[in-house]
Protein backbone atom coordinates (compact mmCIF):
# COMPACT_ATOMS: atom_id res chain seq x y z
CA MET A 1 15.24 6.10 -20.60
CA GLY A 2 15.82 7.96 -17.34
CA GLU A 3 14.81 7.25 -13.78
CA LEU A 4 11.14 6.26 -13.51
CA VAL A 5 10.86 5.95 -9.72
CA ARG A 6 12.53 8.08 -7.08
CA HIS A 7 12.80 7.93 -3.30
CA GLU A 8 13.30 10.49 -0.57
CA LEU A 9 13.29 10.31 3.22
CA ALA A 10 12.07 13.16 5.41
CA ASP A 11 10.91 13.14 9.03
CA GLY A 12 10.95 9.36 9.12
CA VAL A 13 8.68 8.96 6.08
CA ALA A 14 10.00 7.40 2.87
CA THR A 15 8.19 8.87 -0.13
CA ILE A 16 8.40 6.81 -3.30
CA THR A 17 7.24 8.58 -6.45
CA LEU A 18 6.22 6.95 -9.74
CA ASP A 19 7.30 9.28 -12.53
CA SER A 20 6.87 7.55 -15.88
CA GLN A 21 4.46 10.06 -17.31
CA HIS A 22 5.03 9.16 -20.95
CA ASN A 23 3.03 5.94 -20.42
CA ARG A 24 0.84 6.98 -17.48
CA ASN A 25 3.10 5.19 -14.99
CA ALA A 26 2.49 1.83 -16.65
CA LEU A 27 4.10 -1.17 -15.01
CA SER A 28 7.12 -1.61 -17.24
CA SER A 29 9.93 -3.90 -16.19
CA GLN A 30 12.09 -0.84 -15.47
CA LEU A 31 9.47 0.82 -13.28
CA ILE A 32 8.88 -2.37 -11.27
CA ARG A 33 12.63 -2.92 -10.84
CA GLU A 34 13.19 0.67 -9.69
CA LEU A 35 10.20 0.46 -7.34
CA ALA A 36 11.75 -2.62 -5.70
CA GLU A 37 15.06 -0.76 -5.36
CA CYS A 38 13.31 2.19 -3.71
CA LEU A 39 11.65 -0.18 -1.25
CA ASP A 40 15.13 -1.49 -0.42
CA GLU A 41 16.27 2.06 0.27
CA ALA A 42 13.24 2.83 2.44
CA GLU A 43 13.78 -0.24 4.58
CA SER A 44 17.52 0.37 4.87
CA ALA A 45 16.79 3.89 6.09
CA ASP A 46 14.50 2.59 8.89
CA ALA A 47 11.57 4.65 7.63
CA ARG A 48 8.59 4.74 9.98
CA ALA A 49 6.15 4.77 7.03
CA ILE A 50 6.26 4.47 3.25
CA ALA A 51 4.12 6.70 1.03
CA LEU A 52 3.67 5.69 -2.61
CA ARG A 53 2.68 8.64 -4.80
CA HIS A 54 2.88 9.64 -8.46
CA GLU A 55 3.52 12.43 -10.89
CA GLY A 56 1.16 13.12 -13.77
CA PRO A 57 -2.57 12.61 -14.30
CA ALA A 58 -2.55 8.84 -13.66
CA PHE A 59 -1.42 6.92 -10.61
CA CYS A 60 -0.85 3.83 -12.77
CA ALA A 61 -2.34 2.62 -16.05
CA GLY A 62 -1.62 -1.06 -15.35
CA ALA A 63 0.65 -3.33 -17.34
CA ASP A 64 2.88 -1.82 -20.01
CA LEU A 65 1.06 -3.41 -22.95
CA LYS A 66 3.54 -2.14 -25.54
CA GLU A 67 6.38 -3.83 -23.69
CA ARG A 68 4.34 -7.00 -23.13
CA SER A 69 3.33 -7.29 -26.78
CA SER A 70 6.89 -6.87 -28.05
CA ALA A 71 8.59 -9.16 -25.53
CA SER A 72 10.44 -12.11 -27.05
CA GLY A 73 10.42 -14.43 -24.03
CA PRO A 74 7.58 -15.94 -22.01
CA PRO A 75 5.58 -13.66 -19.70
CA ASP A 76 6.90 -13.37 -16.15
CA SER A 77 4.76 -11.68 -13.49
CA SER A 78 7.15 -12.58 -10.66
CA PRO A 79 8.68 -9.09 -10.24
CA MET A 80 5.22 -7.53 -9.84
CA VAL A 81 4.20 -10.23 -7.37
CA ASP A 82 7.37 -9.55 -5.37
CA VAL A 83 6.66 -5.80 -5.21
CA MET A 84 3.08 -6.35 -4.04
CA ARG A 85 4.26 -8.84 -1.42
CA ARG A 86 6.83 -6.38 -0.14
CA LEU A 87 4.28 -3.58 0.21
CA MET A 88 2.03 -5.95 2.13
CA ASP A 89 4.73 -7.58 4.26
CA THR A 90 7.07 -4.74 5.20
CA GLY A 91 6.80 -3.84 8.87
CA ARG A 92 6.31 -0.22 7.93
CA PRO A 93 2.78 1.02 7.22
CA THR A 94 2.40 1.74 3.53
CA ILE A 95 0.17 4.50 2.18
CA ALA A 96 -0.91 4.95 -1.45
CA ALA A 97 -1.41 8.64 -2.28
CA VAL A 98 -3.59 8.72 -5.38
CA ASP A 99 -4.45 11.92 -7.26
CA GLY A 100 -5.12 10.39 -10.69
CA ALA A 101 -6.77 7.54 -12.54
CA VAL A 102 -5.98 3.95 -11.60
CA ARG A 103 -6.44 1.06 -14.00
CA ALA A 104 -5.89 -2.70 -13.96
CA GLY A 105 -2.56 -3.64 -12.37
CA GLY A 106 -2.33 -0.19 -10.82
CA ILE A 107 -5.26 -1.13 -8.62
CA GLY A 108 -3.30 -4.15 -7.41
CA LEU A 109 -0.32 -1.96 -6.58
CA MET A 110 -2.56 0.48 -4.72
CA ALA A 111 -4.46 -2.29 -2.91
CA SER A 112 -1.20 -3.77 -1.64
CA CYS A 113 -0.76 -0.71 0.58
CA ASP A 114 -2.21 -0.65 4.08
CA LEU A 115 -3.90 2.72 3.65
CA VAL A 116 -5.18 4.16 0.37
CA VAL A 117 -5.90 7.90 0.13
CA VAL A 118 -7.55 9.06 -3.10
CA ASP A 119 -8.79 12.34 -4.48
CA ARG A 120 -12.56 12.57 -4.96
CA SER A 121 -12.11 12.87 -8.72
CA VAL A 122 -10.21 9.58 -9.13
CA THR A 123 -11.71 6.78 -11.23
CA PHE A 124 -10.86 3.10 -11.32
CA ALA A 125 -11.32 0.21 -13.75
CA LEU A 126 -10.25 -3.42 -13.83
CA THR A 127 -9.98 -3.69 -17.60
CA GLU A 128 -8.16 -7.01 -17.93
CA VAL A 129 -11.07 -8.96 -19.43
CA ARG A 130 -11.29 -6.40 -22.24
CA ILE A 131 -7.83 -7.37 -23.49
CA GLY A 132 -8.35 -11.10 -23.05
CA VAL A 133 -6.78 -11.73 -19.64
CA ALA A 134 -7.92 -11.82 -16.01
CA ALA A 135 -7.06 -9.68 -13.01
CA ALA A 136 -5.12 -12.65 -11.71
CA ILE A 137 -2.15 -11.70 -9.55
CA ILE A 138 -3.73 -8.43 -8.43
CA SER A 139 -6.80 -10.31 -7.19
CA VAL A 140 -4.70 -11.41 -4.21
CA PRO A 141 -4.40 -7.97 -2.54
CA ILE A 142 -7.76 -6.81 -3.88
CA LEU A 143 -9.75 -9.74 -2.50
CA ARG A 144 -8.08 -9.34 0.88
CA ARG A 145 -9.71 -5.91 1.05
CA VAL A 146 -12.98 -6.36 -0.81
CA PRO A 147 -15.65 -9.10 -0.58
CA PRO A 148 -15.85 -10.90 -3.96
CA GLY A 149 -19.49 -9.99 -4.52
CA LYS A 150 -18.73 -6.29 -4.21
CA ILE A 151 -15.98 -6.28 -6.84
CA ALA A 152 -17.41 -8.95 -9.19
CA ALA A 153 -19.13 -6.58 -11.61
CA ALA A 154 -16.03 -4.41 -11.96
CA MET A 155 -13.80 -7.44 -12.60
CA LEU A 156 -16.21 -9.17 -14.98
CA THR A 157 -17.11 -6.13 -17.10
CA GLY A 158 -14.19 -3.71 -16.83
CA GLU A 159 -16.63 -0.93 -15.95
CA VAL A 160 -15.37 2.36 -14.55
CA PHE A 161 -16.21 3.20 -10.93
CA ASP A 162 -15.55 6.25 -8.80
CA ALA A 163 -13.88 7.07 -5.51
CA ASP A 164 -17.05 6.89 -3.42
CA GLU A 165 -17.79 3.40 -4.75
CA ALA A 166 -14.20 2.34 -4.11
CA ARG A 167 -14.49 3.47 -0.51
CA SER A 168 -17.91 1.88 0.00
CA ILE A 169 -16.59 -1.56 -1.00
CA GLY A 170 -13.39 -1.22 1.04
CA LEU A 171 -10.90 -0.83 -1.80
CA VAL A 172 -9.74 2.57 -0.51
CA THR A 173 -9.61 3.85 3.06
CA HIS A 174 -9.80 7.62 2.60
CA VAL A 175 -11.41 9.91 0.02
CA SER A 176 -9.98 13.40 0.33
CA ASP A 177 -10.08 16.88 -1.14
CA ASP A 178 -6.38 17.21 -0.29
CA VAL A 179 -4.52 13.91 -0.63
CA ALA A 180 -1.13 15.26 0.47
CA ALA A 181 -2.59 16.78 3.65
CA THR A 182 -4.44 13.58 4.54
CA VAL A 183 -1.31 11.49 3.99
CA ALA A 184 0.67 13.91 6.18
CA GLU A 185 -1.91 13.54 8.98
CA LEU A 186 -1.71 9.75 8.75
CA CYS A 187 2.09 9.85 8.88
CA ASP A 188 1.93 12.09 11.95
CA GLY A 189 -0.32 9.51 13.60
CA ILE A 190 2.04 6.66 12.74
CA ARG A 191 5.05 8.53 14.11
CA ALA A 192 3.14 9.15 17.36
CA GLY A 193 3.10 5.39 18.05
CA ALA A 194 5.97 3.23 19.23
CA PRO A 195 7.78 1.67 16.24
CA ARG A 196 7.37 -1.92 17.42
CA ALA A 197 3.74 -1.38 18.40
CA VAL A 198 3.01 -0.09 14.89
CA ARG A 199 4.83 -3.03 13.29
CA GLU A 200 2.93 -5.54 15.44
CA THR A 201 -0.37 -3.83 14.68
CA LYS A 202 0.25 -4.08 10.94
CA HIS A 203 1.14 -7.75 11.36
CA LEU A 204 -1.97 -8.59 13.37
CA LEU A 205 -4.23 -6.85 10.87
CA HIS A 206 -3.09 -9.44 8.33
CA ARG A 207 -2.61 -12.34 10.74
CA VAL A 208 -5.71 -12.47 12.93
CA PRO A 209 -8.25 -12.96 10.10
CA THR A 210 -6.38 -16.12 9.02
CA LEU A 211 -6.70 -17.79 12.44
CA ASP A 212 -9.59 -19.55 14.10
CA ARG A 213 -10.99 -17.81 17.18
CA ASP A 214 -9.20 -19.71 19.95
CA ALA A 215 -5.85 -19.69 18.15
CA ALA A 216 -6.25 -15.95 17.58
CA PHE A 217 -6.96 -15.31 21.26
CA ASP A 218 -3.97 -17.44 22.33
CA GLU A 219 -1.56 -15.72 19.95
CA MET A 220 -2.82 -12.22 20.68
CA ARG A 221 -2.84 -12.79 24.47
CA ALA A 222 0.84 -13.72 24.30
CA LEU A 223 1.61 -10.66 22.21
CA SER A 224 -0.36 -8.37 24.52
CA ASP A 225 1.43 -9.66 27.61
CA GLU A 226 4.82 -9.32 25.94
CA LEU A 227 4.17 -5.75 24.83
CA PHE A 228 2.72 -4.62 28.18
CA ALA A 229 5.84 -5.99 29.89
CA GLY A 230 8.18 -4.23 27.47
CA PRO A 231 9.99 -0.89 27.67
CA ASP A 232 7.76 0.87 25.13
CA ALA A 233 4.66 0.27 27.23
CA GLN A 234 6.47 1.47 30.35
CA GLU A 235 7.48 4.66 28.55
CA GLY A 236 4.03 5.12 27.04
CA MET A 237 2.24 4.71 30.37
CA ALA A 238 4.72 6.97 32.15
CA ALA A 239 4.24 9.65 29.49
CA PHE A 240 0.46 9.34 29.85
CA LYS A 241 0.70 9.74 33.61
CA GLU A 242 3.09 12.68 33.34
CA LYS A 243 1.09 14.34 30.54
CA ARG A 244 4.01 14.48 28.10
CA ARG A 245 4.86 13.03 24.71
CA PRO A 246 6.56 9.61 24.91
CA THR A 247 10.10 9.21 23.65
CA TRP A 248 10.34 6.17 21.40
CA PRO A 249 13.44 4.32 20.23
CA VAL A 250 14.48 4.84 16.62
CA GLY A 251 13.50 2.09 14.15
């Protein structure tokens, strides 16, 4: 079997493409391994952002059930957990670009990205209960985006829901008539910011909700003071005053 995931870097954006069309980009062990390798390449290249897209009519059909049912050893979800962690934890903003159906584990992969851009025609379903399992590991990124009560029916019944519903509950961030154009606009916005400022913003989006109020203020005050005293802020404020584009360091 050939390459299932490929990576390219252009204008500071690493684009990772799922291309396992024979099984609707199901999460086979090979696809997950190659996805992890492509994330390595994106980070080594100092990409400013990572876009995760797909070829074919499905973004991801979830677990590769044929592979799972024929496996001789015990199940091991660790590689999928590692990939989702890396999408969530990398300092680079991650964007899922979704033009086709998303099912089960594919929703977890998508939800692990910071921004999720989907075509209006896309449908979703958390079908795990219908094959006798639960949406277990993928509940971690999903429930960090969506209040439990708003996703309960989908998780308990496996019902199909559409892009507008996914946006209304917070599972996706953008519903678009042109996914590629929307992703390009978001990448332009990310590149306009200072690299460290973008990294710190991604970190605080995850960090602040885990802290109590006073601890959050203390930690964020220290960060604010550090950043305002740093060279990026000096360049940014000078550029604002001089009505020019700031020049940011690479990486």
